Amino acid sequence: MTATETRRQLTLPGQTHTAEGPHDQTGMYVMHHGFRRDLDRFVAAVRRTPIGEAEVWTALQRRWATFDLVLHHHHRVEDDSIWPVLLEHADADGDATDRRTLEDMEAEHDVIDPGLREVRSAFAALAGHPCEDHRNALDIRVTALQERLLEHLRHEETEALPMVQRRLTAEEWDTAEKAAAKAYPLRMVPFLVPWVLDSLPDEGRERMFAMAGQGYRVLAALARPRYERRERLAFRYL
């Protein structure tokens, strides 16, 4: 594919912009879809789950820890394998606007990380002493984190991902994609595969199966029952 050719990109519910260009950004968009979906569920679950439902709150706390880990690895791939390469291109061209966008991406990650820690602490406080005050504190922190992350995803989709299309070579994008595939520990794969597909529209599911091969489809079928049981427990009151 030449630099002037474009791929048909995936557009998912909640996505704020679709960056047209030569690189297939399906992986990015399905991850963003998962983050948005999870945050909607967490906000609703924190508000609706009865305080006395200890088993459900424990499941929610564990599920948040997994969400936190998935997001951490996703951001690490960007910080290590995408933003630095883009920054080299921007500096070589003397493009101050693109440099500022990339600096903003890293700064936003630095703001999101404390928010994740605050939510972890709030879940721990609620587990140690279930009460409305602790639930309200958790609600405030989850909602604040949702606002920060949604704004970051909007910014990334409208400015950083179009920059990927403009600046990265096919080889550089392939390297980033391989880094993303290796970023998650093997122990997370049985969760991650059905997590990615959860509530994904048919086009997105078929793209993921086409990209990842038949083994991905088989693993998804095998892992889905356990994943869905845990989701039903954690998000029982949605």
Protein backbone atom coordinates (compact mmCIF):
# COMPACT_ATOMS: atom_id res chain seq x y z
CA MET A 1 0.00 0.00 0.00
CA THR A 2 1.39 3.42 -0.95
CA ALA A 3 1.31 6.52 1.21
CA THR A 4 -1.57 7.91 -0.86
CA GLU A 5 -3.82 4.86 -0.45
CA THR A 6 -6.28 4.59 2.43
CA ARG A 7 -7.86 1.72 4.31
CA ARG A 8 -11.50 1.60 5.26
CA GLN A 9 -11.45 2.43 8.96
CA LEU A 10 -13.71 1.22 11.74
CA THR A 11 -16.13 3.64 13.40
CA LEU A 12 -17.67 2.51 16.69
CA PRO A 13 -20.31 3.89 19.07
CA GLY A 14 -18.90 6.78 21.11
CA GLN A 15 -15.93 7.27 18.80
CA THR A 16 -15.34 10.99 18.29
CA HIS A 17 -13.36 10.87 15.04
CA THR A 18 -12.21 8.36 12.44
CA ALA A 19 -8.69 8.98 11.18
CA GLU A 20 -8.53 8.11 7.50
CA GLY A 21 -5.24 6.95 6.07
CA PRO A 22 -3.07 3.96 5.16
CA HIS A 23 -2.87 2.27 8.57
CA ASP A 24 -5.64 0.03 9.88
CA GLN A 25 -6.45 1.44 13.32
CA THR A 26 -9.03 -1.18 14.25
CA GLY A 27 -7.01 -2.24 17.30
CA MET A 28 -6.96 1.30 18.68
CA TYR A 29 -10.66 1.86 18.17
CA VAL A 30 -11.79 -1.42 19.72
CA MET A 31 -9.68 -0.71 22.81
CA HIS A 32 -11.20 2.75 23.12
CA HIS A 33 -14.65 1.19 22.74
CA GLY A 34 -13.88 -1.16 25.62
CA PHE A 35 -12.69 1.66 27.88
CA ARG A 36 -15.80 3.74 27.21
CA ARG A 37 -18.11 0.76 27.72
CA ASP A 38 -16.46 -0.21 31.00
CA LEU A 39 -16.56 3.27 32.45
CA ASP A 40 -20.27 3.59 31.68
CA ARG A 41 -20.85 0.29 33.48
CA PHE A 42 -18.71 1.16 36.48
CA VAL A 43 -20.38 4.51 37.03
CA ALA A 44 -23.83 2.89 36.87
CA ALA A 45 -22.82 -0.06 39.06
CA VAL A 46 -21.32 2.13 41.79
CA ARG A 47 -24.55 4.10 41.98
CA ARG A 48 -26.97 1.15 41.81
CA THR A 49 -25.34 -1.69 43.75
CA PRO A 50 -26.80 -1.98 47.29
CA ILE A 51 -24.25 -1.30 50.01
CA GLY A 52 -24.90 -4.68 51.64
CA GLU A 53 -24.02 -6.72 48.53
CA ALA A 54 -20.50 -7.64 49.67
CA GLU A 55 -19.98 -10.31 47.00
CA VAL A 56 -20.90 -7.91 44.20
CA TRP A 57 -18.68 -5.14 45.56
CA THR A 58 -15.76 -7.58 45.77
CA ALA A 59 -16.37 -8.57 42.15
CA LEU A 60 -16.53 -4.91 41.13
CA GLN A 61 -13.28 -4.16 42.94
CA ARG A 62 -11.52 -7.05 41.20
CA ARG A 63 -12.98 -6.06 37.85
CA TRP A 64 -11.72 -2.49 38.32
CA ALA A 65 -8.23 -3.81 39.01
CA THR A 66 -8.32 -5.65 35.68
CA PHE A 67 -9.63 -2.58 33.83
CA ASP A 68 -6.81 -0.57 35.41
CA LEU A 69 -4.24 -3.11 34.21
CA VAL A 70 -5.58 -3.21 30.63
CA LEU A 71 -5.49 0.59 30.44
CA HIS A 72 -1.97 0.69 31.90
CA HIS A 73 -0.61 -1.66 29.24
CA HIS A 74 -2.43 0.22 26.48
CA HIS A 75 -0.89 3.52 27.55
CA ARG A 76 2.54 1.95 27.90
CA VAL A 77 2.46 0.87 24.25
CA GLU A 78 1.60 4.42 23.22
CA ASP A 79 4.26 5.98 25.46
CA ASP A 80 6.99 3.55 24.41
CA SER A 81 6.23 2.63 20.81
CA ILE A 82 4.08 5.32 19.17
CA TRP A 83 4.48 8.81 20.65
CA PRO A 84 8.34 8.80 20.59
CA VAL A 85 8.42 7.81 16.90
CA LEU A 86 5.88 10.50 16.04
CA LEU A 87 7.89 13.01 18.05
CA GLU A 88 11.01 12.24 16.03
CA HIS A 89 9.11 12.94 12.82
CA ALA A 90 7.56 16.13 14.20
CA ASP A 91 10.92 17.47 15.40
CA ALA A 92 12.60 16.59 12.11
CA ASP A 93 10.00 18.76 10.37
CA GLY A 94 10.09 21.48 13.02
CA ASP A 95 6.37 20.99 13.62
CA ALA A 96 5.63 22.68 16.97
CA THR A 97 1.90 21.90 16.77
CA ASP A 98 2.42 18.15 16.48
CA ARG A 99 5.04 18.27 19.24
CA ARG A 100 2.57 20.03 21.53
CA THR A 101 -0.10 17.40 20.78
CA LEU A 102 2.29 14.59 21.68
CA GLU A 103 3.36 16.35 24.87
CA ASP A 104 -0.33 16.67 25.72
CA MET A 105 -0.83 12.92 25.18
CA GLU A 106 1.87 12.12 27.73
CA ALA A 107 0.64 14.77 30.16
CA GLU A 108 -2.90 13.38 29.99
CA HIS A 109 -1.60 9.90 30.79
CA ASP A 110 0.11 11.42 33.83
CA VAL A 111 -3.21 12.90 34.98
CA ILE A 112 -5.16 9.68 34.42
CA ASP A 113 -2.78 7.53 36.50
CA PRO A 114 -3.48 9.34 39.81
CA GLY A 115 -7.20 9.06 39.07
CA LEU A 116 -6.86 5.31 38.74
CA ARG A 117 -5.07 5.16 42.08
CA GLU A 118 -7.80 7.26 43.70
CA VAL A 119 -10.47 4.85 42.50
CA ARG A 120 -8.48 1.86 43.80
CA SER A 121 -8.22 3.54 47.20
CA ALA A 122 -11.92 4.36 47.21
CA PHE A 123 -12.85 0.74 46.45
CA ALA A 124 -10.58 -0.39 49.29
CA ALA A 125 -12.20 2.07 51.70
CA LEU A 126 -15.67 0.85 50.78
CA ALA A 127 -14.59 -2.78 51.20
CA GLY A 128 -13.16 -1.99 54.64
CA HIS A 129 -16.20 -0.04 55.81
CA PRO A 130 -19.32 -0.30 53.61
CA CYS A 131 -21.36 2.87 53.97
CA GLU A 132 -23.03 5.58 51.88
CA ASP A 133 -20.21 8.06 52.51
CA HIS A 134 -17.65 5.69 51.05
CA ARG A 135 -19.94 4.87 48.14
CA ASN A 136 -20.38 8.60 47.43
CA ALA A 137 -16.61 9.11 47.53
CA LEU A 138 -16.14 6.21 45.10
CA ASP A 139 -18.84 7.62 42.82
CA ILE A 140 -17.07 11.00 42.72
CA ARG A 141 -13.72 9.40 41.86
CA VAL A 142 -15.05 7.02 39.21
CA THR A 143 -17.01 9.83 37.56
CA ALA A 144 -13.99 12.14 37.60
CA LEU A 145 -11.81 9.43 36.07
CA GLN A 146 -14.42 8.82 33.39
CA GLU A 147 -14.42 12.52 32.49
CA ARG A 148 -10.62 12.62 32.26
CA LEU A 149 -10.34 9.48 30.16
CA LEU A 150 -13.18 10.40 27.80
CA GLU A 151 -11.54 13.75 27.15
CA HIS A 152 -8.21 12.03 26.54
CA LEU A 153 -9.78 9.57 24.08
CA ARG A 154 -11.47 12.45 22.27
CA HIS A 155 -8.17 14.33 22.01
CA GLU A 156 -6.30 11.23 20.86
CA GLU A 157 -8.88 10.35 18.22
CA THR A 158 -9.15 13.86 16.82
CA GLU A 159 -5.45 14.81 16.80
CA ALA A 160 -2.99 12.02 17.64
CA LEU A 161 -4.44 9.20 15.53
CA PRO A 162 -4.68 11.39 12.41
CA MET A 163 -1.01 12.20 13.04
CA VAL A 164 -0.27 8.47 13.04
CA GLN A 165 -1.85 8.26 9.60
CA ARG A 166 0.14 11.23 8.29
CA ARG A 167 3.53 10.50 9.78
CA LEU A 168 4.19 6.82 10.44
CA THR A 169 5.57 4.55 7.75
CA ALA A 170 4.04 1.11 7.20
CA GLU A 171 7.05 -0.44 8.94
CA GLU A 172 6.73 1.86 11.96
CA TRP A 173 3.03 1.14 12.34
CA ASP A 174 3.66 -2.60 12.02
CA THR A 175 6.25 -2.34 14.81
CA ALA A 176 3.76 -0.55 17.04
CA GLU A 177 1.08 -3.16 16.32
CA LYS A 178 3.48 -5.96 17.23
CA ALA A 179 4.39 -4.15 20.45
CA ALA A 180 0.69 -3.92 21.31
CA ALA A 181 0.22 -7.64 20.66
CA LYS A 182 3.06 -8.46 23.07
CA ALA A 183 2.16 -5.90 25.73
CA TYR A 184 -0.25 -8.04 27.74
CA PRO A 185 0.88 -10.96 29.91
CA LEU A 186 -0.36 -14.35 28.71
CA ARG A 187 -2.40 -14.74 31.89
CA MET A 188 -4.55 -11.79 30.76
CA VAL A 189 -5.42 -13.23 27.35
CA PRO A 190 -8.46 -15.31 28.48
CA PHE A 191 -9.95 -12.08 29.85
CA LEU A 192 -8.78 -9.73 27.14
CA VAL A 193 -10.17 -11.64 24.14
CA PRO A 194 -13.84 -11.68 25.26
CA TRP A 195 -13.40 -8.21 26.80
CA VAL A 196 -12.48 -6.74 23.42
CA LEU A 197 -15.50 -8.39 21.77
CA ASP A 198 -18.00 -7.45 24.50
CA SER A 199 -20.79 -5.30 22.97
CA LEU A 200 -18.68 -4.76 19.85
CA PRO A 201 -20.82 -4.27 16.72
CA ASP A 202 -20.71 -7.05 14.14
CA GLU A 203 -18.31 -5.21 11.84
CA GLY A 204 -15.83 -4.78 14.66
CA ARG A 205 -16.08 -8.44 15.69
CA GLU A 206 -15.51 -9.65 12.15
CA ARG A 207 -12.54 -7.34 11.74
CA MET A 208 -10.97 -8.67 14.91
CA PHE A 209 -11.50 -12.28 13.79
CA ALA A 210 -10.04 -11.49 10.35
CA MET A 211 -6.99 -9.76 11.85
CA ALA A 212 -6.23 -12.29 14.56
CA GLY A 213 -7.10 -15.53 12.77
CA GLN A 214 -9.11 -18.64 13.56
CA GLY A 215 -7.32 -19.21 16.86
CA TYR A 216 -8.73 -15.93 18.17
CA ARG A 217 -12.26 -17.05 17.34
CA VAL A 218 -11.75 -20.38 19.12
CA LEU A 219 -10.23 -18.72 22.19
CA ALA A 220 -13.10 -16.24 22.30
CA ALA A 221 -15.63 -19.09 22.36
CA LEU A 222 -13.74 -20.94 25.08
CA ALA A 223 -13.16 -17.90 27.29
CA ARG A 224 -16.56 -16.27 26.94
CA PRO A 225 -18.57 -18.34 29.48
CA ARG A 226 -16.23 -17.58 32.38
CA TYR A 227 -15.93 -13.94 31.34
CA GLU A 228 -19.70 -13.55 31.15
CA ARG A 229 -20.27 -15.19 34.55
CA ARG A 230 -17.90 -12.73 36.18
CA GLU A 231 -19.45 -9.78 34.34
CA ARG A 232 -22.93 -10.79 35.46
CA LEU A 233 -21.77 -10.85 39.08
CA ALA A 234 -19.85 -7.58 39.02
CA PHE A 235 -22.53 -5.68 37.09
CA ARG A 236 -25.52 -7.48 38.58
CA TYR A 237 -27.50 -4.30 39.22
CA LEU A 238 -27.18 -2.74 35.77
